[in-house]
Protein backbone atom coordinates (compact mmCIF):
# COMPACT_ATOMS: atom_id res chain seq x y z
CA MET A 1 0.03 0.10 -0.08
CA PHE A 2 2.91 2.41 0.88
CA GLU A 3 4.40 1.75 -2.38
CA ILE A 4 1.19 2.81 -4.42
CA VAL A 5 0.97 6.14 -2.25
CA LYS A 6 4.52 6.72 -2.57
CA GLU A 7 4.30 6.41 -6.84
CA GLU A 8 1.24 8.61 -6.86
CA CYS A 9 2.83 11.17 -4.63
CA LYS A 10 5.87 11.25 -6.85
CA LYS A 11 3.48 11.66 -10.26
CA TYR A 12 1.89 14.73 -8.65
CA PHE A 13 5.32 16.61 -7.48
CA GLU A 14 6.51 15.86 -10.88
CA LYS A 15 3.86 18.09 -12.42
CA LEU A 16 4.76 20.84 -9.91
CA LYS A 17 8.44 21.32 -11.12
CA LYS A 18 9.42 23.41 -13.83
CA ARG A 19 9.13 21.87 -17.17
CA LYS A 20 7.84 22.68 -20.82
CA GLY A 21 4.22 21.94 -21.77
CA VAL A 22 0.79 22.91 -22.66
CA LEU A 23 -1.98 24.41 -20.46
CA PHE A 24 -5.57 25.68 -21.16
CA PHE A 25 -7.18 28.76 -19.25
CA ILE A 26 -10.57 27.42 -18.83
CA ASN A 27 -13.88 28.20 -16.64
CA ARG A 28 -14.60 24.85 -15.23
CA ASN A 29 -17.37 24.22 -12.57
CA LYS A 30 -17.33 28.06 -11.95
CA LYS A 31 -13.45 27.78 -11.40
CA LEU A 32 -11.27 29.63 -13.63
CA GLY A 33 -7.71 28.69 -13.99
CA TRP A 34 -5.11 26.70 -15.75
CA TYR A 35 -5.74 23.10 -16.58
CA GLU A 36 -3.69 20.44 -18.46
CA ASN A 37 -6.61 19.38 -20.79
CA GLY A 38 -8.93 21.54 -23.08
CA ASN A 39 -10.27 22.50 -26.38
CA GLU A 40 -7.90 24.50 -28.35
CA LYS A 41 -10.76 26.18 -30.38
CA LYS A 42 -12.87 26.98 -27.58
CA ASP A 43 -10.23 27.65 -24.46
CA GLY A 44 -7.12 29.72 -24.44
CA LYS A 45 -4.03 27.62 -24.98
CA TYR A 46 -0.76 28.34 -23.32
CA VAL A 47 2.49 26.70 -24.74
CA GLY A 48 5.83 27.27 -22.68
CA GLU A 49 7.53 26.65 -19.23
CA ILE A 50 5.21 25.66 -16.54
CA GLU A 51 5.92 25.58 -12.74
CA ASN A 52 3.39 24.80 -10.13
CA ARG A 53 0.80 23.92 -12.83
CA ARG A 54 0.83 27.60 -13.84
CA PRO A 55 2.77 29.55 -16.82
CA ASN A 56 6.20 30.62 -15.16
CA GLY A 57 8.84 31.45 -17.73
CA GLN A 58 8.87 32.13 -21.61
CA GLY A 59 5.84 31.01 -23.40
CA THR A 60 2.93 31.99 -25.46
CA HIS A 61 -0.95 32.26 -24.81
CA THR A 62 -3.30 31.94 -27.75
CA TYR A 63 -6.64 33.22 -26.71
CA SER A 64 -9.99 31.75 -28.13
CA ASN A 65 -10.54 35.12 -29.79
CA GLY A 66 -7.10 34.80 -31.71
CA LYS A 67 -5.50 37.26 -29.62
CA LYS A 68 -1.80 36.19 -28.49
CA TYR A 69 0.39 37.15 -25.58
CA VAL A 70 4.12 36.25 -26.12
CA GLY A 71 6.64 36.75 -23.52
CA GLU A 72 7.74 36.07 -19.98
CA TRP A 73 5.09 34.75 -17.32
CA LYS A 74 5.66 34.77 -13.55
CA GLY A 75 3.12 32.89 -11.26
CA GLY A 76 0.55 32.36 -13.94
CA GLY A 77 0.11 35.71 -15.16
CA PRO A 78 1.74 38.01 -18.11
CA TRP A 79 5.29 39.52 -16.76
CA ILE A 80 7.46 40.94 -19.47
CA GLY A 81 5.84 40.80 -22.99
CA LYS A 82 3.57 41.84 -25.75
CA LEU A 83 -0.23 41.04 -26.46
CA TYR A 84 -1.27 40.89 -30.09
CA GLU A 85 -4.49 41.36 -32.09
CA LYS A 86 -5.40 38.18 -34.10
CA ASP A 87 -3.87 40.19 -37.29
CA GLY A 88 -0.62 40.61 -35.59
CA LYS A 89 -1.23 44.44 -34.47
CA LEU A 90 0.57 45.19 -31.17
CA ILE A 91 -2.29 45.93 -28.42
CA VAL A 92 -0.28 46.49 -24.85
CA LYS A 93 3.18 45.82 -23.66
CA TYR A 94 3.48 44.38 -20.27
CA VAL A 95 6.54 45.38 -17.96
CA ASN A 96 6.80 43.75 -14.42
CA GLY A 97 3.07 42.48 -14.56
CA LYS A 98 1.51 45.92 -15.61
CA GLN A 99 0.32 47.02 -18.98
CA VAL A 100 2.37 50.04 -20.43
CA LYS A 101 0.68 52.16 -22.88
CA GLN A 102 2.27 52.48 -26.38
């Protein structure tokens, strides 16, 4: 029994380490957050570095409406990067987690 619990804990903690992967930003059961499975066409999709099951490091989030954030993430939110319209037009820059006007 102990070995089964030990293996399950090992799998869980491996997902908390920094790694590269894919996450989806979803409102699931009235809880908005990052999930490992989702629908690319319906949910926002993040591809990049993940830590503690949230974007952390370099990555790209493509929103369901076609907008795209490219840059650094910290603790699950945009940190230093740029948000673009679907057509590639720059909307806003982020510096230290805050939007900076053009």
